[in-house]
């Protein structure tokens, strides 16, 4: 596991509602051919965010994973 992914996981664990960090982690996992782990990050979400910036990151997260 890369240092970047590990740091992003730590950041997300500290603030699970941070969609910017979640997106960056999903993107990094996908780029590292760890798509299953990236999909799990989206599957664990119970509801989408309500603020505009978080919605954009949520949409980008789903876009990165496409049909997965």
PDB file of N, CA and C in Angstrom:
ATOM      1  N   UNK A   1       0.849  -1.176   0.000  1.00  0.00           N
ATOM      2  CA  UNK A   1       0.000   0.000   0.000  1.00  0.00           C
ATOM      3  C   UNK A   1       0.889   1.232   0.000  1.00  0.00           C
ATOM      4  N   UNK A   2       0.521   2.193  -0.802  1.00  0.00           N
ATOM      5  CA  UNK A   2       1.335   3.393  -0.896  1.00  0.00           C
ATOM      6  C   UNK A   2       1.162   4.278   0.334  1.00  0.00           C
ATOM      7  N   UNK A   3       2.142   5.120   0.547  1.00  0.00           N
ATOM      8  CA  UNK A   3       2.094   6.064   1.667  1.00  0.00           C
ATOM      9  C   UNK A   3       0.905   7.005   1.495  1.00  0.00           C
ATOM     10  N   UNK A   4       0.668   7.436   0.257  1.00  0.00           N
ATOM     11  CA  UNK A   4      -0.440   8.350  -0.007  1.00  0.00           C
ATOM     12  C   UNK A   4      -1.776   7.716   0.380  1.00  0.00           C
ATOM     13  N   UNK A   5      -1.987   6.478  -0.008  1.00  0.00           N
ATOM     14  CA  UNK A   5      -3.238   5.787   0.324  1.00  0.00           C
ATOM     15  C   UNK A   5      -3.367   5.633   1.829  1.00  0.00           C
ATOM     16  N   UNK A   6      -2.303   5.274   2.470  1.00  0.00           N
ATOM     17  CA  UNK A   6      -2.320   5.118   3.927  1.00  0.00           C
ATOM     18  C   UNK A   6      -2.661   6.432   4.625  1.00  0.00           C
ATOM     19  N   UNK A   7      -2.081   7.524   4.166  1.00  0.00           N
ATOM     20  CA  UNK A   7      -2.366   8.837   4.751  1.00  0.00           C
ATOM     21  C   UNK A   7      -3.817   9.239   4.514  1.00  0.00           C
ATOM     22  N   UNK A   8      -4.314   8.987   3.317  1.00  0.00           N
ATOM     23  CA  UNK A   8      -5.710   9.315   3.015  1.00  0.00           C
ATOM     24  C   UNK A   8      -6.663   8.475   3.866  1.00  0.00           C
ATOM     25  N   UNK A   9      -6.337   7.211   4.077  1.00  0.00           N
ATOM     26  CA  UNK A   9      -7.179   6.368   4.934  1.00  0.00           C
ATOM     27  C   UNK A   9      -7.203   6.902   6.362  1.00  0.00           C
ATOM     28  N   UNK A  10      -6.054   7.328   6.856  1.00  0.00           N
ATOM     29  CA  UNK A  10      -5.995   7.915   8.193  1.00  0.00           C
ATOM     30  C   UNK A  10      -6.844   9.175   8.273  1.00  0.00           C
ATOM     31  N   UNK A  11      -6.757  10.012   7.241  1.00  0.00           N
ATOM     32  CA  UNK A  11      -7.548  11.249   7.215  1.00  0.00           C
ATOM     33  C   UNK A  11      -9.046  10.936   7.173  1.00  0.00           C
ATOM     34  N   UNK A  12      -9.426   9.945   6.379  1.00  0.00           N
ATOM     35  CA  UNK A  12     -10.840   9.591   6.281  1.00  0.00           C
ATOM     36  C   UNK A  12     -11.341   8.975   7.582  1.00  0.00           C
ATOM     37  N   UNK A  13     -10.515   8.177   8.231  1.00  0.00           N
ATOM     38  CA  UNK A  13     -10.900   7.620   9.534  1.00  0.00           C
ATOM     39  C   UNK A  13     -11.135   8.729  10.550  1.00  0.00           C
ATOM     40  N   UNK A  14     -10.350   9.792  10.474  1.00  0.00           N
ATOM     41  CA  UNK A  14     -10.495  10.907  11.405  1.00  0.00           C
ATOM     42  C   UNK A  14     -11.722  11.761  11.078  1.00  0.00           C
ATOM     43  N   UNK A  15     -12.120  11.796   9.796  1.00  0.00           N
ATOM     44  CA  UNK A  15     -13.252  12.627   9.375  1.00  0.00           C
ATOM     45  C   UNK A  15     -14.013  11.915   8.260  1.00  0.00           C
ATOM     46  N   UNK A  16     -14.840  10.923   8.607  1.00  0.00           N
ATOM     47  CA  UNK A  16     -15.516  10.114   7.582  1.00  0.00           C
ATOM     48  C   UNK A  16     -16.500  10.876   6.700  1.00  0.00           C
ATOM     49  N   UNK A  17     -16.879  12.069   7.104  1.00  0.00           N
ATOM     50  CA  UNK A  17     -17.808  12.862   6.298  1.00  0.00           C
ATOM     51  C   UNK A  17     -17.092  13.765   5.300  1.00  0.00           C
ATOM     52  N   UNK A  18     -15.777  13.706   5.255  1.00  0.00           N
ATOM     53  CA  UNK A  18     -14.999  14.558   4.360  1.00  0.00           C
ATOM     54  C   UNK A  18     -14.956  13.930   2.972  1.00  0.00           C
ATOM     55  N   UNK A  19     -15.791  14.446   2.077  1.00  0.00           N
ATOM     56  CA  UNK A  19     -15.899  13.875   0.746  1.00  0.00           C
ATOM     57  C   UNK A  19     -14.715  14.196  -0.141  1.00  0.00           C
ATOM     58  N   UNK A  20     -13.998  15.275   0.145  1.00  0.00           N
ATOM     59  CA  UNK A  20     -12.793  15.567  -0.629  1.00  0.00           C
ATOM     60  C   UNK A  20     -11.749  14.474  -0.375  1.00  0.00           C
ATOM     61  N   UNK A  21     -11.561  14.125   0.870  1.00  0.00           N
ATOM     62  CA  UNK A  21     -10.620  13.054   1.218  1.00  0.00           C
ATOM     63  C   UNK A  21     -11.118  11.724   0.672  1.00  0.00           C
ATOM     64  N   UNK A  22     -12.417  11.459   0.804  1.00  0.00           N
ATOM     65  CA  UNK A  22     -12.983  10.203   0.301  1.00  0.00           C
ATOM     66  C   UNK A  22     -12.755  10.081  -1.203  1.00  0.00           C
ATOM     67  N   UNK A  23     -13.004  11.158  -1.937  1.00  0.00           N
ATOM     68  CA  UNK A  23     -12.778  11.143  -3.386  1.00  0.00           C
ATOM     69  C   UNK A  23     -11.314  10.867  -3.699  1.00  0.00           C
ATOM     70  N   UNK A  24     -10.412  11.569  -3.032  1.00  0.00           N
ATOM     71  CA  UNK A  24      -8.985  11.378  -3.295  1.00  0.00           C
ATOM     72  C   UNK A  24      -8.543   9.947  -2.991  1.00  0.00           C
ATOM     73  N   UNK A  25      -9.112   9.364  -1.949  1.00  0.00           N
ATOM     74  CA  UNK A  25      -8.790   7.980  -1.617  1.00  0.00           C
ATOM     75  C   UNK A  25      -9.364   7.025  -2.657  1.00  0.00           C
ATOM     76  N   UNK A  26     -10.594   7.243  -3.053  1.00  0.00           N
ATOM     77  CA  UNK A  26     -11.214   6.402  -4.083  1.00  0.00           C
ATOM     78  C   UNK A  26     -10.408   6.477  -5.377  1.00  0.00           C
ATOM     79  N   UNK A  27     -10.039   7.681  -5.765  1.00  0.00           N
ATOM     80  CA  UNK A  27      -9.258   7.864  -6.986  1.00  0.00           C
ATOM     81  C   UNK A  27      -7.910   7.152  -6.873  1.00  0.00           C
ATOM     82  N   UNK A  28      -7.236   7.327  -5.755  1.00  0.00           N
ATOM     83  CA  UNK A  28      -5.922   6.707  -5.552  1.00  0.00           C
ATOM     84  C   UNK A  28      -6.013   5.188  -5.551  1.00  0.00           C
ATOM     85  N   UNK A  29      -7.026   4.649  -4.901  1.00  0.00           N
ATOM     86  CA  UNK A  29      -7.218   3.202  -4.885  1.00  0.00           C
ATOM     87  C   UNK A  29      -7.492   2.676  -6.292  1.00  0.00           C
ATOM     88  N   UNK A  30      -8.333   3.373  -7.008  1.00  0.00           N
ATOM     89  CA  UNK A  30      -8.658   2.959  -8.376  1.00  0.00           C
ATOM     90  C   UNK A  30      -7.412   2.976  -9.254  1.00  0.00           C
ATOM     91  N   UNK A  31      -6.620   4.015  -9.151  1.00  0.00           N
ATOM     92  CA  UNK A  31      -5.391   4.126  -9.939  1.00  0.00           C
ATOM     93  C   UNK A  31      -4.380   3.042  -9.559  1.00  0.00           C
ATOM     94  N   UNK A  32      -4.446   2.561  -8.323  1.00  0.00           N
ATOM     95  CA  UNK A  32      -3.536   1.518  -7.856  1.00  0.00           C
ATOM     96  C   UNK A  32      -4.116   0.118  -8.087  1.00  0.00           C
ATOM     97  N   UNK A  33      -5.137   0.028  -8.941  1.00  0.00           N
ATOM     98  CA  UNK A  33      -5.793  -1.248  -9.245  1.00  0.00           C
ATOM     99  C   UNK A  33      -6.378  -1.923  -8.012  1.00  0.00           C
ATOM    100  N   UNK A  34      -6.853  -1.106  -7.089  1.00  0.00           N
ATOM    101  CA  UNK A  34      -7.531  -1.602  -5.891  1.00  0.00           C
ATOM    102  C   UNK A  34      -9.002  -1.149  -5.940  1.00  0.00           C
ATOM    103  N   UNK A  35      -9.623  -1.429  -7.068  1.00  0.00           N
ATOM    104  CA  UNK A  35     -10.982  -0.943  -7.316  1.00  0.00           C
ATOM    105  C   UNK A  35     -11.979  -1.514  -6.323  1.00  0.00           C
ATOM    106  N   UNK A  36     -11.803  -2.754  -5.905  1.00  0.00           N
ATOM    107  CA  UNK A  36     -12.736  -3.336  -4.928  1.00  0.00           C
ATOM    108  C   UNK A  36     -12.749  -2.524  -3.636  1.00  0.00           C
ATOM    109  N   UNK A  37     -11.589  -2.105  -3.186  1.00  0.00           N
ATOM    110  CA  UNK A  37     -11.515  -1.286  -1.969  1.00  0.00           C
ATOM    111  C   UNK A  37     -12.165   0.066  -2.197  1.00  0.00           C
ATOM    112  N   UNK A  38     -12.010   0.624  -3.387  1.00  0.00           N
ATOM    113  CA  UNK A  38     -12.635   1.907  -3.704  1.00  0.00           C
ATOM    114  C   UNK A  38     -14.157   1.782  -3.708  1.00  0.00           C
ATOM    115  N   UNK A  39     -14.650   0.693  -4.283  1.00  0.00           N
ATOM    116  CA  UNK A  39     -16.096   0.454  -4.320  1.00  0.00           C
ATOM    117  C   UNK A  39     -16.647   0.314  -2.904  1.00  0.00           C
ATOM    118  N   UNK A  40     -15.909  -0.368  -2.034  1.00  0.00           N
ATOM    119  CA  UNK A  40     -16.342  -0.516  -0.639  1.00  0.00           C
ATOM    120  C   UNK A  40     -16.528   0.833   0.037  1.00  0.00           C
ATOM    121  N   UNK A  41     -15.673   1.794  -0.287  1.00  0.00           N
ATOM    122  CA  UNK A  41     -15.797   3.132   0.309  1.00  0.00           C
ATOM    123  C   UNK A  41     -17.115   3.795  -0.077  1.00  0.00           C
ATOM    124  N   UNK A  42     -17.590   3.523  -1.278  1.00  0.00           N
ATOM    125  CA  UNK A  42     -18.884   4.079  -1.681  1.00  0.00           C
ATOM    126  C   UNK A  42     -20.042   3.268  -1.115  1.00  0.00           C
ATOM    127  N   UNK A  43     -19.865   1.959  -1.036  1.00  0.00           N
ATOM    128  CA  UNK A  43     -20.942   1.107  -0.536  1.00  0.00           C
ATOM    129  C   UNK A  43     -21.238   1.330   0.945  1.00  0.00           C
ATOM    130  N   UNK A  44     -20.273   1.828   1.689  1.00  0.00           N
ATOM    131  CA  UNK A  44     -20.489   2.047   3.122  1.00  0.00           C
ATOM    132  C   UNK A  44     -21.246   3.351   3.417  1.00  0.00           C
ATOM    133  N   UNK A  45     -21.497   4.153   2.406  1.00  0.00           N
ATOM    134  CA  UNK A  45     -22.193   5.424   2.590  1.00  0.00           C
ATOM    135  C   UNK A  45     -23.683   5.173   2.782  1.00  0.00           C
ATOM    136  N   UNK A  46     -24.223   5.744   3.842  1.00  0.00           N
ATOM    137  CA  UNK A  46     -25.655   5.581   4.112  1.00  0.00           C
ATOM    138  C   UNK A  46     -26.492   6.669   3.459  1.00  0.00           C
ATOM    139  N   UNK A  47     -25.923   7.866   3.295  1.00  0.00           N
ATOM    140  CA  UNK A  47     -26.644   8.945   2.628  1.00  0.00           C
ATOM    141  C   UNK A  47     -25.647   9.888   1.973  1.00  0.00           C
ATOM    142  N   UNK A  48     -26.098  10.527   0.916  1.00  0.00           N
ATOM    143  CA  UNK A  48     -25.235  11.467   0.216  1.00  0.00           C
ATOM    144  C   UNK A  48     -25.148  12.771   1.002  1.00  0.00           C
ATOM    145  N   UNK A  49     -24.073  13.516   0.800  1.00  0.00           N
ATOM    146  CA  UNK A  49     -23.903  14.767   1.539  1.00  0.00           C
ATOM    147  C   UNK A  49     -24.919  15.811   1.099  1.00  0.00           C
ATOM    148  N   UNK A  50     -25.062  16.846   1.918  1.00  0.00           N
ATOM    149  CA  UNK A  50     -26.036  17.879   1.597  1.00  0.00           C
ATOM    150  C   UNK A  50     -25.401  19.191   1.141  1.00  0.00           C
ATOM    151  N   UNK A  51     -24.122  19.408   1.431  1.00  0.00           N
ATOM    152  CA  UNK A  51     -23.526  20.673   0.991  1.00  0.00           C
ATOM    153  C   UNK A  51     -22.969  20.544  -0.422  1.00  0.00           C
ATOM    154  N   UNK A  52     -22.941  21.657  -1.136  1.00  0.00           N
ATOM    155  CA  UNK A  52     -22.608  21.655  -2.563  1.00  0.00           C
ATOM    156  C   UNK A  52     -21.231  21.078  -2.874  1.00  0.00           C
ATOM    157  N   UNK A  53     -20.198  21.479  -2.139  1.00  0.00           N
ATOM    158  CA  UNK A  53     -18.851  20.980  -2.424  1.00  0.00           C
ATOM    159  C   UNK A  53     -18.770  19.477  -2.236  1.00  0.00           C
ATOM    160  N   UNK A  54     -19.372  18.974  -1.180  1.00  0.00           N
ATOM    161  CA  UNK A  54     -19.345  17.537  -0.918  1.00  0.00           C
ATOM    162  C   UNK A  54     -20.107  16.777  -1.993  1.00  0.00           C
ATOM    163  N   UNK A  55     -21.188  17.349  -2.490  1.00  0.00           N
ATOM    164  CA  UNK A  55     -21.958  16.700  -3.559  1.00  0.00           C
ATOM    165  C   UNK A  55     -21.105  16.553  -4.813  1.00  0.00           C
ATOM    166  N   UNK A  56     -20.319  17.562  -5.125  1.00  0.00           N
ATOM    167  CA  UNK A  56     -19.440  17.500  -6.295  1.00  0.00           C
ATOM    168  C   UNK A  56     -18.425  16.370  -6.120  1.00  0.00           C
ATOM    169  N   UNK A  57     -17.812  16.278  -4.931  1.00  0.00           N
ATOM    170  CA  UNK A  57     -16.842  15.199  -4.691  1.00  0.00           C
ATOM    171  C   UNK A  57     -17.523  13.831  -4.720  1.00  0.00           C
ATOM    172  N   UNK A  58     -18.736  13.750  -4.228  1.00  0.00           N
ATOM    173  CA  UNK A  58     -19.469  12.482  -4.273  1.00  0.00           C
ATOM    174  C   UNK A  58     -19.730  12.080  -5.722  1.00  0.00           C
ATOM    175  N   UNK A  59     -20.169  13.040  -6.534  1.00  0.00           N
ATOM    176  CA  UNK A  59     -20.424  12.752  -7.944  1.00  0.00           C
ATOM    177  C   UNK A  59     -19.154  12.317  -8.660  1.00  0.00           C
ATOM    178  N   UNK A  60     -18.045  12.975  -8.369  1.00  0.00           N
ATOM    179  CA  UNK A  60     -16.775  12.599  -8.986  1.00  0.00           C
ATOM    180  C   UNK A  60     -16.343  11.207  -8.546  1.00  0.00           C
ATOM    181  N   UNK A  61     -16.636  10.867  -7.313  1.00  0.00           N
ATOM    182  CA  UNK A  61     -16.296   9.536  -6.815  1.00  0.00           C
ATOM    183  C   UNK A  61     -17.030   8.464  -7.600  1.00  0.00           C
ATOM    184  N   UNK A  62     -18.327   8.677  -7.818  1.00  0.00           N
ATOM    185  CA  UNK A  62     -19.102   7.715  -8.588  1.00  0.00           C
ATOM    186  C   UNK A  62     -18.640   7.675 -10.042  1.00  0.00           C
ATOM    187  N   UNK A  63     -18.260   8.827 -10.572  1.00  0.00           N
ATOM    188  CA  UNK A  63     -17.794   8.886 -11.956  1.00  0.00           C
ATOM    189  C   UNK A  63     -16.489   8.105 -12.131  1.00  0.00           C
ATOM    190  N   UNK A  64     -15.578   8.211 -11.192  1.00  0.00           N
ATOM    191  CA  UNK A  64     -14.300   7.495 -11.276  1.00  0.00           C
ATOM    192  C   UNK A  64     -14.526   5.994 -11.378  1.00  0.00           C
ATOM    193  N   UNK A  65     -15.490   5.503 -10.628  1.00  0.00           N
ATOM    194  CA  UNK A  65     -15.713   4.062 -10.598  1.00  0.00           C
ATOM    195  C   UNK A  65     -16.625   3.573 -11.718  1.00  0.00           C
ATOM    196  N   UNK A  66     -17.312   4.465 -12.347  1.00  0.00           N
ATOM    197  CA  UNK A  66     -18.124   4.107 -13.511  1.00  0.00           C
ATOM    198  C   UNK A  66     -19.100   2.989 -13.221  1.00  0.00           C
ATOM    199  N   UNK A  67     -18.979   1.886 -13.963  1.00  0.00           N
ATOM    200  CA  UNK A  67     -19.942   0.787 -13.896  1.00  0.00           C
ATOM    201  C   UNK A  67     -19.686  -0.172 -12.753  1.00  0.00           C
ATOM    202  N   UNK A  68     -18.670   0.073 -11.951  1.00  0.00           N
ATOM    203  CA  UNK A  68     -18.380  -0.858 -10.850  1.00  0.00           C
ATOM    204  C   UNK A  68     -19.476  -0.772  -9.844  1.00  0.00           C
TER     205      UNK A  68
END
